Every structure is written in structure tokens, then in C-alpha cells.
C-alpha atoms as a PDB file:
ATOM      1  CA  MET A   1    -206.542   9.534 -27.167  1.00  0.00           C
ATOM      2  CA  GLU A   2    -205.918  10.705 -23.628  1.00  0.00           C
ATOM      3  CA  PRO A   3    -203.276  13.350 -22.937  1.00  0.00           C
ATOM      4  CA  THR A   4    -199.878  12.121 -21.845  1.00  0.00           C
ATOM      5  CA  ILE A   5    -196.756  13.365 -20.126  1.00  0.00           C
ATOM      6  CA  ILE A   6    -193.282  12.110 -20.979  1.00  0.00           C
ATOM      7  CA  CYS A   7    -190.782  11.004 -18.350  1.00  0.00           C
ATOM      8  CA  ASP A   8    -188.500  14.032 -18.875  1.00  0.00           C
ATOM      9  CA  GLU A   9    -191.336  16.457 -18.199  1.00  0.00           C
ATOM     10  CA  LEU A  10    -192.556  14.566 -15.138  1.00  0.00           C
ATOM     11  CA  PHE A  11    -189.009  14.398 -13.781  1.00  0.00           C
ATOM     12  CA  MET A  12    -188.709  18.187 -14.070  1.00  0.00           C
ATOM     13  CA  ARG A  13    -192.014  18.602 -12.208  1.00  0.00           C
ATOM     14  CA  LEU A  14    -191.459  16.047  -9.427  1.00  0.00           C
ATOM     15  CA  GLY A  15    -191.872  17.773  -6.112  1.00  0.00           C
ATOM     16  CA  ASP A  16    -194.112  20.524  -7.506  1.00  0.00           C
ATOM     17  CA  GLU A  17    -197.035  21.135  -5.183  1.00  0.00           C
ATOM     18  CA  ASP A  18    -199.457  21.044  -8.103  1.00  0.00           C
ATOM     19  CA  VAL A  19    -198.482  17.552  -9.337  1.00  0.00           C
ATOM     20  CA  LEU A  20    -199.910  14.312  -7.934  1.00  0.00           C
ATOM     21  CA  VAL A  21    -198.502  11.006  -9.219  1.00  0.00           C
ATOM     22  CA  LEU A  22    -200.777   7.989  -8.767  1.00  0.00           C
ATOM     23  CA  ASP A  23    -199.270   4.525  -9.161  1.00  0.00           C
ATOM     24  CA  CYS A  24    -202.191   2.442 -10.414  1.00  0.00           C
ATOM     25  CA  ARG A  25    -200.538  -0.977 -10.425  1.00  0.00           C
ATOM     26  CA  ASP A  26    -202.464  -3.883  -8.991  1.00  0.00           C
ATOM     27  CA  ALA A  27    -201.388  -5.593  -5.770  1.00  0.00           C
ATOM     28  CA  MET A  28    -199.456  -8.335  -7.565  1.00  0.00           C
ATOM     29  CA  ASP A  29    -197.327  -5.877  -9.561  1.00  0.00           C
ATOM     30  CA  TRP A  30    -196.859  -3.660  -6.497  1.00  0.00           C
ATOM     31  CA  GLU A  31    -195.458  -6.665  -4.579  1.00  0.00           C
ATOM     32  CA  ARG A  32    -193.365  -7.974  -7.463  1.00  0.00           C
ATOM     33  CA  PHE A  33    -191.691  -4.649  -8.281  1.00  0.00           C
ATOM     34  CA  GLU A  34    -190.812  -2.955  -4.999  1.00  0.00           C
ATOM     35  CA  ILE A  35    -190.126   0.454  -6.533  1.00  0.00           C
ATOM     36  CA  HIS A  36    -192.192   3.462  -7.478  1.00  0.00           C
ATOM     37  CA  ILE A  37    -191.753   7.024  -8.704  1.00  0.00           C
ATOM     38  CA  PRO A  38    -190.654   9.269  -5.815  1.00  0.00           C
ATOM     39  CA  GLY A  39    -193.654  10.708  -4.018  1.00  0.00           C
ATOM     40  CA  ALA A  40    -196.181   8.577  -5.912  1.00  0.00           C
ATOM     41  CA  LEU A  41    -199.280   7.409  -4.089  1.00  0.00           C
ATOM     42  CA  ARG A  42    -200.606   3.926  -4.724  1.00  0.00           C
ATOM     43  CA  MET A  43    -204.250   3.803  -5.770  1.00  0.00           C
ATOM     44  CA  THR A  44    -205.758   1.005  -7.802  1.00  0.00           C
ATOM     45  CA  ALA A  45    -208.214   1.771 -10.581  1.00  0.00           C
ATOM     46  CA  SER A  46    -211.176   0.839  -8.409  1.00  0.00           C
ATOM     47  CA  GLU A  47    -209.912   3.013  -5.530  1.00  0.00           C
ATOM     48  CA  ILE A  48    -209.548   6.005  -7.832  1.00  0.00           C
ATOM     49  CA  ILE A  49    -213.096   5.629  -9.128  1.00  0.00           C
ATOM     50  CA  ARG A  50    -214.502   5.004  -5.643  1.00  0.00           C
ATOM     51  CA  ASP A  51    -212.605   7.881  -4.004  1.00  0.00           C
ATOM     52  CA  LEU A  52    -212.833  10.359  -6.878  1.00  0.00           C
ATOM     53  CA  ALA A  53    -214.147  13.131  -4.622  1.00  0.00           C
ATOM     54  CA  MET A  54    -210.966  12.927  -2.533  1.00  0.00           C
ATOM     55  CA  LEU A  55    -208.705  13.714  -5.494  1.00  0.00           C
ATOM     56  CA  PRO A  56    -207.676  17.341  -5.971  1.00  0.00           C
ATOM     57  CA  ASP A  57    -209.287  19.312  -8.762  1.00  0.00           C
ATOM     58  CA  ASP A  58    -206.525  21.916  -8.956  1.00  0.00           C
ATOM     59  CA  GLU A  59    -203.496  19.658  -9.530  1.00  0.00           C
ATOM     60  CA  LEU A  60    -202.077  17.747 -12.461  1.00  0.00           C
ATOM     61  CA  ILE A  61    -202.834  14.079 -11.800  1.00  0.00           C
ATOM     62  CA  VAL A  62    -200.285  11.781 -13.456  1.00  0.00           C
ATOM     63  CA  LEU A  63    -201.409   8.160 -13.794  1.00  0.00           C
ATOM     64  CA  CYS A  64    -198.702   5.518 -13.931  1.00  0.00           C
ATOM     65  CA  GLY A  65    -198.967   1.777 -14.404  1.00  0.00           C
ATOM     66  CA  THR A  66    -197.427  -1.103 -16.300  1.00  0.00           C
ATOM     67  CA  THR A  67    -197.648  -1.981 -19.953  1.00  0.00           C
ATOM     68  CA  GLN A  68    -200.228  -4.667 -19.193  1.00  0.00           C
ATOM     69  CA  ASP A  69    -202.672  -2.234 -17.603  1.00  0.00           C
ATOM     70  CA  CYS A  70    -202.351   0.680 -20.031  1.00  0.00           C
ATOM     71  CA  ALA A  71    -205.962   0.302 -21.237  1.00  0.00           C
ATOM     72  CA  ASP A  72    -207.178   0.613 -17.635  1.00  0.00           C
ATOM     73  CA  ILE A  73    -204.972   3.659 -17.083  1.00  0.00           C
ATOM     74  CA  ARG A  74    -206.404   5.359 -20.184  1.00  0.00           C
ATOM     75  CA  ARG A  75    -209.944   4.550 -19.017  1.00  0.00           C
ATOM     76  CA  ILE A  76    -209.263   6.066 -15.598  1.00  0.00           C
ATOM     77  CA  CYS A  77    -207.779   9.127 -17.267  1.00  0.00           C
ATOM     78  CA  ARG A  78    -210.945   9.562 -19.351  1.00  0.00           C
ATOM     79  CA  VAL A  79    -213.154   9.288 -16.261  1.00  0.00           C
ATOM     80  CA  LEU A  80    -211.055  11.806 -14.338  1.00  0.00           C
ATOM     81  CA  ARG A  81    -211.092  14.268 -17.228  1.00  0.00           C
ATOM     82  CA  LEU A  82    -214.857  13.895 -17.641  1.00  0.00           C
ATOM     83  CA  ARG A  83    -215.138  14.789 -13.944  1.00  0.00           C
ATOM     84  CA  GLY A  84    -213.108  17.962 -14.451  1.00  0.00           C
ATOM     85  CA  ARG A  85    -209.706  16.737 -13.268  1.00  0.00           C
ATOM     86  CA  ASN A  86    -206.510  17.579 -15.143  1.00  0.00           C
ATOM     87  CA  ALA A  87    -205.332  13.979 -15.596  1.00  0.00           C
ATOM     88  CA  VAL A  88    -202.641  12.611 -17.899  1.00  0.00           C
ATOM     89  CA  CYS A  89    -201.039   9.211 -18.502  1.00  0.00           C
ATOM     90  CA  LEU A  90    -197.295   8.700 -18.126  1.00  0.00           C
ATOM     91  CA  THR A  91    -196.028   7.646 -21.549  1.00  0.00           C
ATOM     92  CA  GLY A  92    -194.539   4.153 -21.233  1.00  0.00           C
ATOM     93  CA  GLY A  93    -195.555   3.837 -17.584  1.00  0.00           C
ATOM     94  CA  LEU A  94    -193.207   2.679 -14.869  1.00  0.00           C
ATOM     95  CA  HIS A  95    -191.181   0.620 -17.360  1.00  0.00           C
ATOM     96  CA  ALA A  96    -190.208   3.747 -19.325  1.00  0.00           C
ATOM     97  CA  TRP A  97    -189.401   5.562 -16.078  1.00  0.00           C
ATOM     98  CA  VAL A  98    -187.096   2.794 -14.829  1.00  0.00           C
ATOM     99  CA  THR A  99    -185.380   2.082 -18.163  1.00  0.00           C
ATOM    100  CA  GLY A 100    -184.884   5.826 -18.630  1.00  0.00           C
ATOM    101  CA  GLY A 101    -182.769   5.867 -15.476  1.00  0.00           C
ATOM    102  CA  TYR A 102    -185.058   8.175 -13.514  1.00  0.00           C
ATOM    103  CA  PRO A 103    -185.034   8.012  -9.702  1.00  0.00           C
ATOM    104  CA  THR A 104    -187.194   5.527  -7.843  1.00  0.00           C
ATOM    105  CA  GLU A 105    -188.087   4.815  -4.241  1.00  0.00           C
ATOM    106  CA  ARG A 106    -188.448   1.406  -2.649  1.00  0.00           C
ATOM    107  CA  HIS A 107    -191.643   0.639  -0.838  1.00  0.00           C
ATOM    108  CA  VAL A 108    -192.059  -1.755   2.022  1.00  0.00           C
ATOM    109  CA  ARG A 109    -193.405  -5.154   1.132  1.00  0.00           C
ATOM    110  CA  ALA A 110    -196.485  -6.268   2.983  1.00  0.00           C
ATOM    111  CA  GLN A 111    -195.516  -8.725   5.703  1.00  0.00           C
ATOM    112  CA  SER A 112    -197.193 -12.092   5.799  1.00  0.00           C
ATOM    113  CA  HIS A 113    -199.349 -12.604   8.862  1.00  0.00           C
ATOM    114  CA  ALA A 114    -199.302 -16.390   8.563  1.00  0.00           C
ATOM    115  CA  HIS A 115    -198.547 -18.278  11.756  1.00  0.00           C
ATOM    116  CA  ARG A 116    -195.496 -20.484  11.783  1.00  0.00           C
END
């Protein structure tokens, strides 16, 4: 089982320079739920694997997703840890964060470029 962090602990560490929160939701979930954990960066599973060298090796990397993608999040966590990164999964994902009443930020929805 991959290591985890609970919402209370992450909340206390938000803003720390040595913590990086990655929101791993797919494009559909990102569009449907226009909120994220403050300061979180959006990177899909494939982007994380592809851009692994760009991720810091001296920070705690917190992976966050939805309940539906928890198996993918755990897989990414395993890969990151095998590559020497200090990665953990947020217990309960974004759902636990929101239902726990923790702060969120709204992100801008992608605008449609369709011609009218």
C-alpha cells in the first residue's frame, strides 16, 4: 500500500515550500468540478510519467484525484517512489477535501473555440 496523507495534515502544510500538490484528475473531471486544492498544479497521470524529470526530488509530492481514479493515483505514487520521489496519496482525494470543508480555489474553465 502506498503512503498517504490525511486532509488535516495537508491543510497544515499548504503553502510550505517543500510541498507540491498535483491534481491528477482527467480533463472531464477538471471541467465538471471547477475547484481544486489551493496551489495545486494540474497534471494528468500520463503527464506526470512523461515529465517525471521535471518534478522536484526534494519536496513532498501529494497526489490528489477522484474516487474513480484512485487506482491510477496509487500507480503513479508507486512509480514516483520507485524513482526516488517522496510521493503520497491524499486519503479520500478531492471528495474528502471538499466534504471536510477545507479551502478550495476555482479554476477557469476552458473556453470553447467553436465558431458561432
